[in-house]
C-alpha atoms as a PDB file:
ATOM      1  CA  MET A   1      53.329  18.000 -22.832  1.00  0.00           C
ATOM      2  CA  LYS A   2      55.799  15.143 -22.845  1.00  0.00           C
ATOM      3  CA  TYR A   3      55.153  11.667 -21.481  1.00  0.00           C
ATOM      4  CA  LEU A   4      57.156   8.519 -20.851  1.00  0.00           C
ATOM      5  CA  LEU A   5      55.289   5.368 -21.871  1.00  0.00           C
ATOM      6  CA  MET A   6      56.757   2.130 -20.454  1.00  0.00           C
ATOM      7  CA  ILE A   7      56.207  -1.501 -21.373  1.00  0.00           C
ATOM      8  CA  TYR A   8      57.149  -4.265 -18.937  1.00  0.00           C
ATOM      9  CA  GLY A   9      57.984  -7.882 -19.662  1.00  0.00           C
ATOM     10  CA  ASN A  10      60.271 -10.780 -18.895  1.00  0.00           C
ATOM     11  CA  GLN A  11      61.922 -13.635 -20.727  1.00  0.00           C
ATOM     12  CA  GLU A  12      59.155 -16.044 -19.722  1.00  0.00           C
ATOM     13  CA  LYS A  13      56.581 -13.794 -21.400  1.00  0.00           C
ATOM     14  CA  TRP A  14      58.648 -13.462 -24.594  1.00  0.00           C
ATOM     15  CA  ASP A  15      59.245 -17.227 -24.689  1.00  0.00           C
ATOM     16  CA  SER A  16      55.482 -17.853 -24.446  1.00  0.00           C
ATOM     17  CA  ILE A  17      54.936 -16.199 -27.827  1.00  0.00           C
ATOM     18  CA  PRO A  18      55.120 -18.787 -30.608  1.00  0.00           C
ATOM     19  CA  ALA A  19      58.048 -18.138 -32.944  1.00  0.00           C
ATOM     20  CA  GLU A  20      55.732 -17.982 -35.960  1.00  0.00           C
ATOM     21  CA  SER A  21      53.802 -15.111 -34.306  1.00  0.00           C
ATOM     22  CA  TRP A  22      56.793 -12.797 -33.897  1.00  0.00           C
ATOM     23  CA  PRO A  23      56.729 -11.316 -37.426  1.00  0.00           C
ATOM     24  CA  GLU A  24      53.078 -10.310 -36.990  1.00  0.00           C
ATOM     25  CA  GLU A  25      53.702  -8.846 -33.514  1.00  0.00           C
ATOM     26  CA  ILE A  26      56.735  -6.876 -34.754  1.00  0.00           C
ATOM     27  CA  ALA A  27      54.673  -5.584 -37.697  1.00  0.00           C
ATOM     28  CA  LYS A  28      51.979  -4.343 -35.271  1.00  0.00           C
ATOM     29  CA  GLN A  29      54.605  -2.489 -33.235  1.00  0.00           C
ATOM     30  CA  ASP A  30      56.209  -1.015 -36.356  1.00  0.00           C
ATOM     31  CA  ALA A  31      52.790   0.217 -37.545  1.00  0.00           C
ATOM     32  CA  PHE A  32      52.164   1.847 -34.153  1.00  0.00           C
ATOM     33  CA  ASN A  33      55.582   3.533 -34.237  1.00  0.00           C
ATOM     34  CA  LYS A  34      55.153   4.823 -37.797  1.00  0.00           C
ATOM     35  CA  LYS A  35      51.640   6.114 -37.174  1.00  0.00           C
ATOM     36  CA  TYR A  36      52.638   8.247 -34.194  1.00  0.00           C
ATOM     37  CA  GLN A  37      55.967   9.327 -35.702  1.00  0.00           C
ATOM     38  CA  GLN A  38      53.985  10.707 -38.649  1.00  0.00           C
ATOM     39  CA  THR A  39      51.693  12.679 -36.312  1.00  0.00           C
ATOM     40  CA  GLY A  40      54.786  14.052 -34.545  1.00  0.00           C
ATOM     41  CA  GLU A  41      53.610  12.674 -31.199  1.00  0.00           C
ATOM     42  CA  LEU A  42      56.198   9.870 -30.945  1.00  0.00           C
ATOM     43  CA  ILE A  43      59.611  11.378 -30.240  1.00  0.00           C
ATOM     44  CA  GLY A  44      61.389   8.048 -29.864  1.00  0.00           C
ATOM     45  CA  ALA A  45      60.880   4.345 -29.149  1.00  0.00           C
ATOM     46  CA  TYR A  46      63.549   2.240 -27.480  1.00  0.00           C
ATOM     47  CA  GLY A  47      63.661  -1.506 -26.842  1.00  0.00           C
ATOM     48  CA  LEU A  48      65.888  -2.585 -23.984  1.00  0.00           C
ATOM     49  CA  ALA A  49      68.136  -5.612 -23.589  1.00  0.00           C
ATOM     50  CA  ASP A  50      67.188  -8.491 -21.311  1.00  0.00           C
ATOM     51  CA  ALA A  51      67.447  -7.745 -17.582  1.00  0.00           C
ATOM     52  CA  ALA A  52      70.502 -10.023 -17.401  1.00  0.00           C
ATOM     53  CA  ALA A  53      72.419  -7.344 -19.333  1.00  0.00           C
ATOM     54  CA  ALA A  54      71.457  -4.508 -16.933  1.00  0.00           C
ATOM     55  CA  LYS A  55      74.152  -3.044 -14.695  1.00  0.00           C
ATOM     56  CA  LEU A  56      74.069  -0.871 -11.601  1.00  0.00           C
ATOM     57  CA  VAL A  57      76.600   1.940 -11.553  1.00  0.00           C
ATOM     58  CA  ARG A  58      77.638   3.764  -8.419  1.00  0.00           C
ATOM     59  CA  ARG A  59      80.497   6.116  -7.785  1.00  0.00           C
ATOM     60  CA  ALA A  60      83.231   4.860  -5.482  1.00  0.00           C
ATOM     61  CA  ASP A  61      86.269   7.072  -4.869  1.00  0.00           C
ATOM     62  CA  GLY A  62      85.416   9.106  -7.964  1.00  0.00           C
ATOM     63  CA  ALA A  63      85.299   6.097 -10.318  1.00  0.00           C
ATOM     64  CA  PRO A  64      82.420   3.945 -11.614  1.00  0.00           C
ATOM     65  CA  ALA A  65      81.653   0.905  -9.464  1.00  0.00           C
ATOM     66  CA  VAL A  66      79.655  -1.509 -11.649  1.00  0.00           C
ATOM     67  CA  THR A  67      77.614  -4.490 -10.443  1.00  0.00           C
ATOM     68  CA  ASP A  68      74.969  -6.681 -12.032  1.00  0.00           C
ATOM     69  CA  GLY A  69      71.440  -5.281 -12.159  1.00  0.00           C
ATOM     70  CA  PRO A  70      68.608  -4.552 -12.457  1.00  0.00           C
ATOM     71  CA  TYR A  71      68.050  -2.384  -9.412  1.00  0.00           C
ATOM     72  CA  LEU A  72      64.806  -4.016  -8.258  1.00  0.00           C
ATOM     73  CA  GLU A  73      64.257  -7.725  -7.745  1.00  0.00           C
ATOM     74  CA  THR A  74      61.027  -8.174  -9.707  1.00  0.00           C
ATOM     75  CA  LYS A  75      59.544 -10.751 -12.038  1.00  0.00           C
ATOM     76  CA  GLU A  76      58.958  -8.153 -14.747  1.00  0.00           C
ATOM     77  CA  TYR A  77      61.281  -5.382 -15.872  1.00  0.00           C
ATOM     78  CA  MET A  78      61.087  -2.397 -18.171  1.00  0.00           C
ATOM     79  CA  ALA A  79      61.399  -3.875 -21.645  1.00  0.00           C
ATOM     80  CA  SER A  80      60.936  -0.745 -23.741  1.00  0.00           C
ATOM     81  CA  PHE A  81      60.034   2.888 -23.431  1.00  0.00           C
ATOM     82  CA  TYR A  82      58.574   5.581 -25.637  1.00  0.00           C
ATOM     83  CA  LEU A  83      58.769   9.355 -25.483  1.00  0.00           C
ATOM     84  CA  LEU A  84      55.580  11.133 -26.471  1.00  0.00           C
ATOM     85  CA  ASP A  85      54.789  14.794 -27.045  1.00  0.00           C
ATOM     86  CA  CYS A  86      51.023  15.239 -26.875  1.00  0.00           C
ATOM     87  CA  GLU A  87      48.690  18.199 -26.756  1.00  0.00           C
ATOM     88  CA  ASN A  88      47.113  16.940 -23.510  1.00  0.00           C
ATOM     89  CA  GLU A  89      46.864  14.064 -21.063  1.00  0.00           C
ATOM     90  CA  GLN A  90      43.774  12.585 -22.696  1.00  0.00           C
ATOM     91  CA  ARG A  91      45.662  12.256 -25.989  1.00  0.00           C
ATOM     92  CA  ALA A  92      48.522  10.484 -24.171  1.00  0.00           C
ATOM     93  CA  TYR A  93      45.955   8.015 -22.765  1.00  0.00           C
ATOM     94  CA  GLU A  94      44.610   7.369 -26.255  1.00  0.00           C
ATOM     95  CA  ILE A  95      48.089   6.645 -27.635  1.00  0.00           C
ATOM     96  CA  ALA A  96      48.964   4.402 -24.681  1.00  0.00           C
ATOM     97  CA  ALA A  97      45.726   2.450 -25.193  1.00  0.00           C
ATOM     98  CA  ALA A  98      46.583   2.030 -28.899  1.00  0.00           C
ATOM     99  CA  MET A  99      49.843   0.260 -27.991  1.00  0.00           C
ATOM    100  CA  PRO A 100      49.797  -3.323 -29.295  1.00  0.00           C
ATOM    101  CA  TRP A 101      49.052  -5.707 -26.394  1.00  0.00           C
ATOM    102  CA  ALA A 102      47.513  -2.924 -24.244  1.00  0.00           C
ATOM    103  CA  HIS A 103      44.397  -5.087 -24.201  1.00  0.00           C
ATOM    104  CA  LEU A 104      46.445  -7.806 -22.430  1.00  0.00           C
ATOM    105  CA  GLU A 105      49.029  -5.906 -20.379  1.00  0.00           C
ATOM    106  CA  PRO A 106      48.962  -2.438 -18.842  1.00  0.00           C
ATOM    107  CA  VAL A 107      51.099   0.342 -20.273  1.00  0.00           C
ATOM    108  CA  GLU A 108      52.623   2.698 -17.717  1.00  0.00           C
ATOM    109  CA  LEU A 109      52.376   6.402 -18.537  1.00  0.00           C
ATOM    110  CA  TRP A 110      54.324   9.110 -16.695  1.00  0.00           C
ATOM    111  CA  PRO A 111      54.137  12.861 -17.300  1.00  0.00           C
ATOM    112  CA  ILE A 112      57.598  14.373 -17.773  1.00  0.00           C
ATOM    113  CA  LEU A 113      57.847  17.389 -15.500  1.00  0.00           C
ATOM    114  CA  HIS A 114      61.370  18.620 -16.225  1.00  0.00           C
ATOM    115  CA  GLU A 115      63.520  18.546 -19.330  1.00  0.00           C
ATOM    116  CA  ALA A 116      67.132  19.594 -19.695  1.00  0.00           C
ATOM    117  CA  PRO A 117      67.704  22.214 -22.391  1.00  0.00           C
ATOM    118  CA  ALA A 118      68.790  20.728 -25.719  1.00  0.00           C
ATOM    119  CA  ASP A 119      71.868  22.958 -25.836  1.00  0.00           C
ATOM    120  CA  LEU A 120      73.549  21.604 -22.688  1.00  0.00           C
END
């Protein structure tokens, strides 16, 4: 079964991490990614731009109408997301709990119920 794993953050949180700690934190995330790519359970991992770069797109008269985003006014925003393919829900929980910083911040896990065919 496939799952969406989401990490939330904000610029204040990123700024609170000392600059000298970033290489170690990035190495932890890279190790997590490699480990679960090798098992075949991590389909993809995607880091998102700062919320200031988000846009809202609507359709107006058949054309895109673009405004600044993000959609919700919140302190934290989705900072990155991961696509997992696990044998069961318990395994998805184990992978989510192995995420670096999961001991400090929750990781949101959503089952994916529908998937478009790859040959669309």
